[in-house]
Structures are given as structure tokens and as C-alpha cells.
Protein backbone atom coordinates (compact mmCIF):
# COMPACT_ATOMS: atom_id res chain seq x y z
CA UNK A 1 143.01 98.24 154.59
CA UNK A 2 139.34 97.37 153.95
CA UNK A 3 138.09 99.64 157.09
CA UNK A 4 139.55 102.96 155.00
CA UNK A 5 137.58 101.99 151.96
CA UNK A 6 134.05 101.54 153.92
CA UNK A 7 134.84 105.08 155.72
CA UNK A 8 135.05 106.80 152.49
CA UNK A 9 131.98 105.30 151.41
CA UNK A 10 130.42 106.46 154.27
CA UNK A 11 131.57 110.01 154.30
CA UNK A 12 130.41 109.65 150.78
CA UNK A 13 126.78 108.83 150.70
CA UNK A 14 126.44 110.43 154.10
CA UNK A 15 127.57 113.73 152.39
CA UNK A 16 125.01 113.03 149.69
CA UNK A 17 122.16 112.57 152.36
CA UNK A 18 123.13 116.10 154.16
CA UNK A 19 123.17 117.55 151.17
CA UNK A 20 119.59 116.89 150.66
CA UNK A 21 118.17 117.13 154.14
CA UNK A 22 119.99 120.70 153.83
CA UNK A 23 118.57 121.81 150.90
CA UNK A 24 114.87 120.12 151.84
CA UNK A 25 115.25 122.43 154.70
CA UNK A 26 115.65 125.30 153.32
CA UNK A 27 112.49 124.69 151.01
CA UNK A 28 110.69 124.35 154.16
CA UNK A 29 111.89 127.25 155.60
CA UNK A 30 110.98 129.11 152.14
CA UNK A 31 107.51 127.70 152.55
CA UNK A 32 107.27 128.53 155.93
CA UNK A 33 108.19 132.03 155.80
CA UNK A 34 106.04 132.32 152.72
CA UNK A 35 103.08 131.03 155.01
CA UNK A 36 103.60 133.01 158.30
CA UNK A 37 103.51 136.32 155.50
CA UNK A 38 100.40 135.34 154.13
CA UNK A 39 98.48 134.71 157.51
CA UNK A 40 99.75 138.37 158.52
CA UNK A 41 98.69 140.26 155.72
CA UNK A 42 95.16 138.64 156.10
CA UNK A 43 94.76 139.43 159.88
CA UNK A 44 95.53 142.81 159.71
CA UNK A 45 92.66 142.76 156.56
CA UNK A 46 95.00 143.59 153.03
CA UNK A 47 94.45 142.08 150.11
CA UNK A 48 96.73 139.18 149.03
CA UNK A 49 97.37 139.13 145.69
CA UNK A 50 96.94 135.96 142.98
CA UNK A 51 100.41 135.47 142.68
CA UNK A 52 101.67 135.34 145.80
CA UNK A 53 98.92 132.33 146.32
CA UNK A 54 100.09 130.90 143.42
CA UNK A 55 103.55 130.70 144.79
CA UNK A 56 102.55 128.88 147.57
CA UNK A 57 102.03 125.46 145.56
CA UNK A 58 105.16 125.13 144.28
CA UNK A 59 108.87 125.53 146.29
CA UNK A 60 110.58 125.88 142.73
CA UNK A 61 109.10 128.95 141.33
CA UNK A 62 110.67 128.93 137.54
CA UNK A 63 110.26 124.95 137.24
CA UNK A 64 106.17 125.75 136.83
CA UNK A 65 106.72 128.76 135.15
CA UNK A 66 109.01 126.68 132.43
CA UNK A 67 108.59 123.22 132.39
CA UNK A 68 110.67 122.32 129.69
CA UNK A 69 113.78 124.49 131.65
CA UNK A 70 113.03 121.55 134.31
CA UNK A 71 113.23 118.89 131.49
CA UNK A 72 116.21 120.09 130.10
CA UNK A 73 118.14 120.58 133.00
CA UNK A 74 117.49 116.93 134.40
CA UNK A 75 118.72 115.65 131.07
CA UNK A 76 122.03 117.58 131.44
CA UNK A 77 122.36 116.59 135.43
CA UNK A 78 122.09 112.67 133.57
CA UNK A 79 125.05 113.80 131.23
CA UNK A 80 127.08 115.65 134.10
CA UNK A 81 126.72 112.06 136.24
CA UNK A 82 127.79 110.01 133.60
CA UNK A 83 130.73 112.26 132.63
CA UNK A 84 131.47 112.47 135.93
CA UNK A 85 131.45 108.82 136.79
CA UNK A 86 133.62 107.87 133.77
CA UNK A 87 136.16 110.22 134.55
CA UNK A 88 136.08 108.97 137.67
CA UNK A 89 136.65 105.56 136.60
CA UNK A 90 139.64 106.42 134.77
CA UNK A 91 137.92 107.17 131.66
CA UNK A 92 138.32 105.04 128.35
CA UNK A 93 136.05 101.93 126.78
CA UNK A 94 132.59 101.65 129.37
CA UNK A 95 132.30 98.24 127.81
CA UNK A 96 135.65 96.62 127.50
CA UNK A 97 137.98 97.80 130.21
CA UNK A 98 139.50 96.22 132.82
CA UNK A 99 139.11 98.36 135.75
CA UNK A 100 135.97 98.44 138.00
CA UNK A 101 133.35 99.22 137.97
CA UNK A 102 133.07 100.03 134.16
CA UNK A 103 128.88 99.99 134.77
CA UNK A 104 129.23 103.69 136.92
CA UNK A 105 128.41 106.24 133.92
CA UNK A 106 124.92 104.28 133.21
CA UNK A 107 123.28 105.60 136.47
CA UNK A 108 123.45 108.88 134.71
CA UNK A 109 120.92 107.44 132.55
CA UNK A 110 117.99 108.01 135.20
CA UNK A 111 117.99 111.47 135.80
CA UNK A 112 118.25 111.84 131.72
CA UNK A 113 115.49 109.13 131.15
CA UNK A 114 113.36 111.28 133.50
CA UNK A 115 114.17 114.18 132.31
CA UNK A 116 113.56 113.28 128.71
CA UNK A 117 110.40 111.65 129.38
CA UNK A 118 109.18 115.12 131.27
CA UNK A 119 110.25 116.81 127.76
CA UNK A 120 108.52 113.94 125.48
CA UNK A 121 105.34 114.71 127.46
CA UNK A 122 105.34 118.48 127.45
CA UNK A 123 105.55 118.66 123.72
CA UNK A 124 102.15 116.21 123.41
CA UNK A 125 100.36 118.02 125.85
CA UNK A 126 97.27 119.92 124.49
CA UNK A 127 98.13 123.72 124.85
CA UNK A 128 95.17 125.82 125.94
CA UNK A 129 95.53 129.53 124.58
CA UNK A 130 95.11 132.25 127.26
């Protein structure tokens, strides 16, 4: 009976690792494609726009354009993780329930805290007029 539990856990965490690896692979392929395109343009002697050069430093263009949205997205991911694990545990009171594990929804605090920290940091950041 215990063997099935470990198999389920292995499949669950293996799927998470697989999703992360696939996401990183596509990010790498996108960056490599941009680099090849810029190399071809430079070899042909064509001009390269500053926007294209600026896109080389970031694999996530939207996050660089609006860092506040990235912070808010992280906060909502934290809330979604907490609600998911709360529902997975059967709902109810987090601190006085009998079901195990009742601490699992607290995992959502990590992305929420990172997003909140980014958001607060952006609020205190000195803006330079453009």
C-alpha cells in the first residue's frame, strides 16, 4: 500500500520538474534564435534596432517593461497555491483540523512574499524622469 503513495509523489514532483525543464528549454531556444538572427543581420551589414538589442538581456519581455505586474502576478500565484493546497487538504480550519497535512497551504507564502517584496521595493525605487 505504501508503494503507491511513493509512486504518486514521484509522479507529482517529476511532473513539476518536467514542466520547469520544458519551460527553460523553450526560453533557451527563443534566446538562441534571437542571437542567431542578430548574428545574421550583422553579417549582412544591416542595422540592428536598439529594441532588438535590448530584448537580448531578457527572456521575459513583459516583466522588464512593467515590473509591477510581475510582482502582482507572483502575489496571486502565492494565493492560488495556498487555496489549491487548502482545497486539496479538504478545506476547513487550517489550525484546528484533524486532517493531515494542515500546514501545506502555507507553502503559498513564499511566492506571495517574494512578489510583495518586489512590489514594495518598486514603490520605494527612485524613478528617473524620461
